[in-house]
Structures are given as C-alpha cells and as structure tokens.
C-alpha cells in the first residue's frame, strides 16, 4: 500500500469503519492527512509496528478526521518529540474512545493525556516505555 492507494481507497469508500495499517512500509507522513480528510466514518484505527514513518510529519501529526473513533491501536511505535502530539490528539475523542492499545510504544513522556478519556473501558499498556515522566504512576492520570 502506498499513500495514493490509501487516499483513493478512503475517498471511494467513505463508509469504511475499520482500518488496519500493518506491514505497510511504503506509507509516509502523508497518511495521517489522508485519514483525517477521507476517514470521517472510521471507528477503529490500527497502526502496526511498520507504520513508524507515518508519524514523522511535524505539520500534521494528529488524528482529527474520524468523527467517532472508538478504538485506537498504536503498536511498537517509538515516540519522538514531534510524535507526541499524536497521542495528545486522541483527547478529541474523550466522549467516544473506549479502547486504547499502545503496546510496545517507546519513549512516551507521560500518561496525562489518558485523564481526559472518560469513556475508556479498555487500556493495553504491554511493554510501554515511559521517558522523562515526573510521576509514572498510572493511578494519577489527572
């Protein structure tokens, strides 16, 4: 899959509710822009470990297109400075997001963004690596 293919897929199938981007090493930093523009009906979004290159855009490194995102999975992604805005952007879905899996995600600064996700009933933090958090306790989310 390449960016143009994903763009056309979402554009021609605007009712797609679930998208799993896994083992798609040719997708680039343009991917989030296409998801934001054409993936309004997405309810489930999964990024696998080969999707790290998607999170390299400083300009548009946020998820904002899906109207009612319910499940987000981000596996084995290393969070650098410009990638943290992606995790912060999930707070937009505080009323709809019920499941978040950030397993294997490296260098997360803090879990504070989780405090605003009031509908969250499932949280997977397998092998997550915190970096530089003043209080790494998941109990103190807010």
N, C-alpha and C. Protein backbone atom coordinates (compact mmCIF):
# COMPACT_ATOMS: atom_id res chain seq x y z
N UNK A 1 0.85 -1.18 0.00
CA UNK A 1 0.00 0.00 0.00
C UNK A 1 0.89 1.23 0.00
N UNK A 2 0.52 2.20 -0.82
CA UNK A 2 1.19 3.50 -0.84
C UNK A 2 0.16 4.57 -0.51
N UNK A 3 0.64 5.77 -0.26
CA UNK A 3 -0.27 6.86 0.14
C UNK A 3 -1.39 7.11 -0.86
N UNK A 4 -1.06 7.13 -2.14
CA UNK A 4 -2.09 7.37 -3.15
C UNK A 4 -3.17 6.28 -3.09
N UNK A 5 -2.75 5.03 -2.91
CA UNK A 5 -3.71 3.92 -2.82
C UNK A 5 -4.61 4.05 -1.62
N UNK A 6 -4.04 4.43 -0.47
CA UNK A 6 -4.85 4.63 0.74
C UNK A 6 -5.83 5.78 0.54
N UNK A 7 -5.33 6.87 -0.04
CA UNK A 7 -6.19 8.03 -0.29
C UNK A 7 -7.37 7.65 -1.16
N UNK A 8 -7.11 6.95 -2.26
CA UNK A 8 -8.17 6.55 -3.18
C UNK A 8 -9.14 5.55 -2.53
N UNK A 9 -8.60 4.63 -1.74
CA UNK A 9 -9.44 3.66 -1.03
C UNK A 9 -10.42 4.36 -0.10
N UNK A 10 -9.92 5.30 0.69
CA UNK A 10 -10.79 6.02 1.63
C UNK A 10 -11.74 6.97 0.91
N UNK A 11 -11.26 7.58 -0.15
CA UNK A 11 -12.07 8.52 -0.92
C UNK A 11 -13.25 7.81 -1.60
N UNK A 12 -13.00 6.64 -2.16
CA UNK A 12 -14.04 5.91 -2.88
C UNK A 12 -14.89 5.02 -1.99
N UNK A 13 -14.50 4.88 -0.74
CA UNK A 13 -15.25 4.06 0.22
C UNK A 13 -15.41 4.85 1.52
N UNK A 14 -16.17 5.94 1.48
CA UNK A 14 -16.26 6.83 2.64
C UNK A 14 -16.95 6.22 3.86
N UNK A 15 -17.55 5.06 3.72
CA UNK A 15 -18.25 4.43 4.85
C UNK A 15 -17.38 3.42 5.60
N UNK A 16 -16.10 3.29 5.23
CA UNK A 16 -15.20 2.36 5.92
C UNK A 16 -15.14 2.74 7.40
N UNK A 17 -15.37 1.76 8.26
CA UNK A 17 -15.37 1.98 9.70
C UNK A 17 -14.13 1.45 10.40
N UNK A 18 -13.38 0.58 9.74
CA UNK A 18 -12.21 -0.02 10.38
C UNK A 18 -11.04 -0.04 9.41
N UNK A 19 -9.88 0.39 9.88
CA UNK A 19 -8.69 0.43 9.05
C UNK A 19 -7.50 -0.07 9.87
N UNK A 20 -6.81 -1.08 9.34
CA UNK A 20 -5.64 -1.66 9.99
C UNK A 20 -4.45 -1.43 9.08
N UNK A 21 -3.55 -0.58 9.52
CA UNK A 21 -2.34 -0.28 8.76
C UNK A 21 -1.19 -1.03 9.43
N UNK A 22 -0.87 -2.16 8.85
CA UNK A 22 0.15 -3.04 9.42
C UNK A 22 0.98 -3.61 8.27
N UNK A 23 2.27 -3.61 8.42
CA UNK A 23 3.18 -4.07 7.36
C UNK A 23 2.95 -3.31 6.06
N UNK A 24 2.88 -2.01 6.17
CA UNK A 24 2.75 -1.13 5.00
C UNK A 24 3.91 -0.12 5.03
N UNK A 25 5.13 -0.59 4.81
CA UNK A 25 6.31 0.29 4.95
C UNK A 25 6.41 1.41 3.92
N UNK A 26 5.59 1.39 2.87
CA UNK A 26 5.66 2.43 1.85
C UNK A 26 4.76 3.63 2.16
N UNK A 27 3.94 3.52 3.20
CA UNK A 27 3.14 4.68 3.59
C UNK A 27 4.07 5.71 4.21
N UNK A 28 3.72 6.98 4.07
CA UNK A 28 4.60 8.06 4.52
C UNK A 28 3.86 9.00 5.48
N UNK A 29 4.50 10.13 5.72
CA UNK A 29 3.92 11.15 6.59
C UNK A 29 2.62 11.73 6.03
N UNK A 30 2.30 11.47 4.77
CA UNK A 30 1.05 11.94 4.16
C UNK A 30 -0.17 11.13 4.63
N UNK A 31 0.07 9.97 5.18
CA UNK A 31 -1.00 9.04 5.55
C UNK A 31 -2.01 9.66 6.52
N UNK A 32 -1.53 10.30 7.58
CA UNK A 32 -2.46 10.90 8.56
C UNK A 32 -3.34 11.96 7.92
N UNK A 33 -2.79 12.73 6.99
CA UNK A 33 -3.59 13.73 6.28
C UNK A 33 -4.73 13.09 5.51
N UNK A 34 -4.45 11.96 4.85
CA UNK A 34 -5.49 11.25 4.09
C UNK A 34 -6.55 10.67 5.03
N UNK A 35 -6.11 10.12 6.15
CA UNK A 35 -7.07 9.56 7.12
C UNK A 35 -7.94 10.68 7.67
N UNK A 36 -7.32 11.81 7.99
CA UNK A 36 -8.08 12.93 8.54
C UNK A 36 -9.07 13.51 7.53
N UNK A 37 -8.70 13.54 6.26
CA UNK A 37 -9.56 14.12 5.24
C UNK A 37 -10.65 13.18 4.76
N UNK A 38 -10.34 11.88 4.62
CA UNK A 38 -11.28 10.95 3.99
C UNK A 38 -11.78 9.84 4.91
N UNK A 39 -11.32 9.81 6.15
CA UNK A 39 -11.72 8.72 7.05
C UNK A 39 -12.68 9.14 8.14
N UNK A 40 -13.65 9.98 7.79
CA UNK A 40 -14.57 10.51 8.80
C UNK A 40 -15.38 9.44 9.52
N UNK A 41 -15.68 8.32 8.85
CA UNK A 41 -16.53 7.28 9.45
C UNK A 41 -15.74 6.20 10.18
N UNK A 42 -14.40 6.34 10.23
CA UNK A 42 -13.60 5.34 10.92
C UNK A 42 -13.95 5.29 12.40
N UNK A 43 -14.18 4.09 12.88
CA UNK A 43 -14.44 3.88 14.31
C UNK A 43 -13.31 3.09 14.96
N UNK A 44 -12.58 2.33 14.13
CA UNK A 44 -11.46 1.52 14.60
C UNK A 44 -10.26 1.83 13.72
N UNK A 45 -9.14 2.18 14.34
CA UNK A 45 -7.93 2.53 13.61
C UNK A 45 -6.74 1.85 14.27
N UNK A 46 -5.99 1.08 13.47
CA UNK A 46 -4.84 0.34 13.98
C UNK A 46 -3.60 0.69 13.18
N UNK A 47 -2.54 1.03 13.90
CA UNK A 47 -1.24 1.26 13.29
C UNK A 47 -0.28 0.20 13.84
N UNK A 48 0.30 -0.60 12.95
CA UNK A 48 1.25 -1.63 13.36
C UNK A 48 2.66 -1.09 13.41
N UNK A 49 3.59 -1.95 13.80
CA UNK A 49 4.98 -1.54 14.04
C UNK A 49 5.67 -1.00 12.79
N UNK A 50 5.26 -1.40 11.63
CA UNK A 50 5.91 -0.90 10.41
C UNK A 50 5.38 0.47 10.00
N UNK A 51 4.57 1.08 10.84
CA UNK A 51 3.95 2.36 10.49
C UNK A 51 4.65 3.56 11.11
N UNK A 52 5.81 3.35 11.67
CA UNK A 52 6.52 4.43 12.36
C UNK A 52 6.74 5.66 11.49
N UNK A 53 7.01 5.45 10.21
CA UNK A 53 7.29 6.55 9.29
C UNK A 53 6.08 7.46 9.09
N UNK A 54 4.90 6.99 9.43
CA UNK A 54 3.69 7.79 9.30
C UNK A 54 3.71 8.98 10.25
N UNK A 55 4.39 8.81 11.38
CA UNK A 55 4.37 9.82 12.44
C UNK A 55 5.57 10.76 12.38
N UNK A 56 6.06 11.06 11.20
CA UNK A 56 7.24 11.93 11.08
C UNK A 56 6.90 13.34 10.63
N UNK A 57 5.66 13.61 10.34
CA UNK A 57 5.27 14.94 9.86
C UNK A 57 5.07 15.88 11.05
N UNK A 58 5.79 17.00 11.05
CA UNK A 58 5.64 17.96 12.13
C UNK A 58 4.36 18.77 11.98
N UNK A 59 3.95 18.98 10.73
CA UNK A 59 2.79 19.83 10.46
C UNK A 59 1.47 19.15 10.84
N UNK A 60 1.28 17.94 10.38
CA UNK A 60 0.01 17.25 10.65
C UNK A 60 0.30 15.90 11.29
N UNK A 61 0.56 15.93 12.57
CA UNK A 61 0.87 14.72 13.30
C UNK A 61 -0.22 14.47 14.34
N UNK A 62 -1.45 14.65 13.90
CA UNK A 62 -2.59 14.48 14.81
C UNK A 62 -3.66 13.66 14.11
N UNK A 63 -4.46 13.00 14.91
CA UNK A 63 -5.63 12.31 14.38
C UNK A 63 -6.84 13.21 14.66
N UNK A 64 -7.53 13.61 13.61
CA UNK A 64 -8.64 14.55 13.81
C UNK A 64 -9.81 14.29 12.87
N UNK A 65 -9.62 13.46 11.86
CA UNK A 65 -10.65 13.25 10.85
C UNK A 65 -11.83 12.39 11.26
N UNK A 66 -11.57 11.21 11.84
CA UNK A 66 -12.71 10.36 12.21
C UNK A 66 -13.63 11.08 13.20
N UNK A 67 -14.94 10.99 12.93
CA UNK A 67 -15.90 11.70 13.78
C UNK A 67 -16.11 11.03 15.13
N UNK A 68 -16.12 9.69 15.15
CA UNK A 68 -16.43 8.97 16.39
C UNK A 68 -15.50 7.77 16.57
N UNK A 69 -14.23 8.04 16.75
CA UNK A 69 -13.26 6.98 16.92
C UNK A 69 -13.50 6.26 18.24
N UNK A 70 -13.66 4.95 18.19
CA UNK A 70 -13.95 4.15 19.38
C UNK A 70 -12.77 3.31 19.83
N UNK A 71 -11.95 2.88 18.89
CA UNK A 71 -10.82 2.02 19.22
C UNK A 71 -9.60 2.48 18.45
N UNK A 72 -8.50 2.68 19.18
CA UNK A 72 -7.24 3.08 18.57
C UNK A 72 -6.14 2.15 19.06
N UNK A 73 -5.40 1.60 18.12
CA UNK A 73 -4.28 0.72 18.45
C UNK A 73 -3.04 1.29 17.77
N UNK A 74 -1.99 1.51 18.57
CA UNK A 74 -0.71 2.00 18.07
C UNK A 74 0.35 1.08 18.64
N UNK A 75 0.80 0.12 17.84
CA UNK A 75 1.74 -0.90 18.32
C UNK A 75 3.18 -0.57 17.97
N UNK A 76 4.05 -0.72 18.96
CA UNK A 76 5.50 -0.67 18.75
C UNK A 76 5.98 0.54 17.96
N UNK A 77 5.50 1.70 18.33
CA UNK A 77 5.93 2.94 17.68
C UNK A 77 6.80 3.70 18.66
N UNK A 78 7.94 4.18 18.20
CA UNK A 78 8.79 4.98 19.05
C UNK A 78 8.33 6.43 18.95
N UNK A 79 8.02 7.03 20.08
CA UNK A 79 7.52 8.40 20.11
C UNK A 79 8.69 9.37 20.26
N UNK A 80 8.96 10.14 19.23
CA UNK A 80 9.95 11.20 19.33
C UNK A 80 9.19 12.49 19.65
N UNK A 81 9.90 13.56 19.79
CA UNK A 81 9.28 14.84 20.16
C UNK A 81 8.09 15.18 19.28
N UNK A 82 8.23 15.09 17.97
CA UNK A 82 7.14 15.51 17.09
C UNK A 82 6.03 14.48 16.99
N UNK A 83 6.22 13.31 17.57
CA UNK A 83 5.18 12.29 17.52
C UNK A 83 4.24 12.36 18.72
N UNK A 84 4.65 13.05 19.79
CA UNK A 84 3.82 13.11 20.99
C UNK A 84 2.49 13.79 20.74
N UNK A 85 2.44 14.72 19.81
CA UNK A 85 1.18 15.40 19.53
C UNK A 85 0.12 14.42 19.04
N UNK A 86 0.56 13.30 18.45
CA UNK A 86 -0.41 12.30 18.00
C UNK A 86 -1.16 11.73 19.20
N UNK A 87 -0.45 11.30 20.23
CA UNK A 87 -1.12 10.75 21.41
C UNK A 87 -1.94 11.81 22.12
N UNK A 88 -1.46 13.05 22.15
CA UNK A 88 -2.24 14.13 22.75
C UNK A 88 -3.53 14.38 21.98
N UNK A 89 -3.51 14.15 20.67
CA UNK A 89 -4.68 14.44 19.85
C UNK A 89 -5.83 13.48 20.10
N UNK A 90 -5.58 12.34 20.73
CA UNK A 90 -6.69 11.40 20.99
C UNK A 90 -7.66 11.97 22.01
N UNK A 91 -7.26 13.00 22.73
CA UNK A 91 -8.17 13.60 23.71
C UNK A 91 -9.42 14.19 23.04
N UNK A 92 -9.33 14.44 21.73
CA UNK A 92 -10.51 14.90 20.97
C UNK A 92 -11.63 13.87 21.07
N UNK A 93 -11.28 12.63 21.28
CA UNK A 93 -12.26 11.54 21.31
C UNK A 93 -12.62 11.13 22.74
N UNK A 94 -12.61 12.08 23.65
CA UNK A 94 -12.91 11.77 25.06
C UNK A 94 -14.31 11.20 25.26
N UNK A 95 -15.23 11.52 24.38
CA UNK A 95 -16.61 11.02 24.52
C UNK A 95 -16.87 9.73 23.75
N UNK A 96 -15.95 9.31 22.89
CA UNK A 96 -16.21 8.12 22.06
C UNK A 96 -15.18 7.01 22.23
N UNK A 97 -13.94 7.34 22.54
CA UNK A 97 -12.88 6.33 22.59
C UNK A 97 -13.06 5.43 23.81
N UNK A 98 -13.27 4.14 23.55
CA UNK A 98 -13.48 3.18 24.64
C UNK A 98 -12.31 2.20 24.77
N UNK A 99 -11.45 2.12 23.75
CA UNK A 99 -10.36 1.15 23.78
C UNK A 99 -9.09 1.79 23.22
N UNK A 100 -8.01 1.70 23.99
CA UNK A 100 -6.73 2.23 23.55
C UNK A 100 -5.65 1.20 23.86
N UNK A 101 -4.89 0.84 22.83
CA UNK A 101 -3.79 -0.11 22.98
C UNK A 101 -2.54 0.56 22.43
N UNK A 102 -1.60 0.87 23.31
CA UNK A 102 -0.34 1.47 22.89
C UNK A 102 0.82 0.55 23.25
N UNK A 103 0.59 -0.74 23.13
CA UNK A 103 1.59 -1.75 23.48
C UNK A 103 2.89 -1.55 22.71
N UNK A 104 3.99 -1.68 23.43
CA UNK A 104 5.31 -1.61 22.82
C UNK A 104 5.73 -0.22 22.42
N UNK A 105 4.91 0.78 22.71
CA UNK A 105 5.25 2.15 22.34
C UNK A 105 6.38 2.65 23.25
N UNK A 106 7.37 3.23 22.65
CA UNK A 106 8.59 3.64 23.37
C UNK A 106 8.66 5.16 23.52
N UNK A 107 9.27 5.59 24.63
CA UNK A 107 9.58 6.99 24.89
C UNK A 107 8.36 7.89 25.03
N UNK A 108 7.33 7.39 25.67
CA UNK A 108 6.16 8.23 25.97
C UNK A 108 6.54 9.12 27.15
N UNK A 109 6.28 10.40 27.04
CA UNK A 109 6.64 11.32 28.11
C UNK A 109 5.80 11.13 29.36
N UNK A 110 4.50 10.95 29.20
CA UNK A 110 3.62 10.84 30.35
C UNK A 110 2.26 10.28 29.94
N UNK A 111 1.52 9.83 30.91
CA UNK A 111 0.18 9.30 30.66
C UNK A 111 -0.92 10.33 30.90
N UNK A 112 -0.57 11.58 31.10
CA UNK A 112 -1.57 12.59 31.46
C UNK A 112 -2.70 12.69 30.43
N UNK A 113 -2.42 12.44 29.18
CA UNK A 113 -3.45 12.54 28.15
C UNK A 113 -4.58 11.54 28.39
N UNK A 114 -4.31 10.48 29.13
CA UNK A 114 -5.34 9.47 29.40
C UNK A 114 -6.44 9.99 30.33
N UNK A 115 -6.11 10.98 31.15
CA UNK A 115 -7.06 11.50 32.13
C UNK A 115 -8.33 12.06 31.53
N UNK A 116 -8.29 12.52 30.29
CA UNK A 116 -9.48 13.11 29.68
C UNK A 116 -10.34 12.10 28.92
N UNK A 117 -9.89 10.87 28.84
CA UNK A 117 -10.63 9.84 28.08
C UNK A 117 -11.66 9.18 29.00
N UNK A 118 -12.76 9.86 29.21
CA UNK A 118 -13.76 9.45 30.21
C UNK A 118 -14.51 8.17 29.86
N UNK A 119 -14.55 7.79 28.59
CA UNK A 119 -15.30 6.59 28.19
C UNK A 119 -14.42 5.35 28.06
N UNK A 120 -13.14 5.49 28.36
CA UNK A 120 -12.20 4.39 28.19
C UNK A 120 -12.52 3.22 29.12
N UNK A 121 -12.77 2.06 28.53
CA UNK A 121 -13.03 0.84 29.33
C UNK A 121 -11.96 -0.22 29.09
N UNK A 122 -11.15 -0.04 28.04
CA UNK A 122 -10.07 -0.97 27.76
C UNK A 122 -8.79 -0.21 27.48
N UNK A 123 -7.73 -0.57 28.21
CA UNK A 123 -6.44 0.09 28.05
C UNK A 123 -5.36 -0.98 28.10
N UNK A 124 -4.56 -1.08 27.04
CA UNK A 124 -3.48 -2.06 26.98
C UNK A 124 -2.16 -1.31 26.94
N UNK A 125 -1.31 -1.60 27.92
CA UNK A 125 -0.02 -0.92 28.06
C UNK A 125 1.13 -1.92 28.11
N UNK A 126 1.01 -3.02 27.39
CA UNK A 126 2.03 -4.05 27.41
C UNK A 126 3.36 -3.52 26.86
N UNK A 127 4.40 -3.64 27.67
CA UNK A 127 5.76 -3.28 27.26
C UNK A 127 5.88 -1.83 26.80
N UNK A 128 5.20 -0.92 27.48
CA UNK A 128 5.29 0.51 27.18
C UNK A 128 6.47 1.10 27.96
N UNK A 129 7.23 1.95 27.32
CA UNK A 129 8.41 2.54 27.92
C UNK A 129 8.18 4.02 28.15
N UNK A 130 8.12 4.42 29.43
CA UNK A 130 7.97 5.83 29.77
C UNK A 130 9.33 6.51 29.77
N UNK A 131 9.35 7.75 29.34
CA UNK A 131 10.60 8.51 29.32
C UNK A 131 10.35 9.88 29.93
N UNK A 132 11.09 10.23 30.94
CA UNK A 132 11.06 11.58 31.46
C UNK A 132 9.77 12.00 32.14
N UNK A 133 8.97 11.08 32.61
CA UNK A 133 7.72 11.44 33.28
C UNK A 133 8.02 11.70 34.75
N UNK A 134 7.52 12.82 35.27
CA UNK A 134 7.74 13.15 36.68
C UNK A 134 7.10 12.12 37.59
N UNK A 135 5.94 11.65 37.24
CA UNK A 135 5.23 10.66 38.03
C UNK A 135 4.70 9.57 37.10
N UNK A 136 5.42 8.44 37.00
CA UNK A 136 5.00 7.39 36.07
C UNK A 136 3.81 6.59 36.54
N UNK A 137 3.21 6.93 37.65
CA UNK A 137 2.09 6.18 38.19
C UNK A 137 0.86 6.34 37.32
N UNK A 138 0.32 5.25 36.86
CA UNK A 138 -0.91 5.28 36.04
C UNK A 138 -2.13 5.65 36.88
N UNK A 139 -1.99 5.53 38.20
CA UNK A 139 -3.09 5.85 39.09
C UNK A 139 -3.38 7.35 39.08
N UNK A 140 -2.36 8.16 38.91
CA UNK A 140 -2.52 9.62 38.93
C UNK A 140 -2.63 10.15 37.50
N UNK A 141 -3.72 9.87 36.86
CA UNK A 141 -3.89 10.24 35.46
C UNK A 141 -4.30 11.70 35.26
N UNK A 142 -4.84 12.33 36.28
CA UNK A 142 -5.33 13.68 36.08
C UNK A 142 -4.70 14.65 37.04
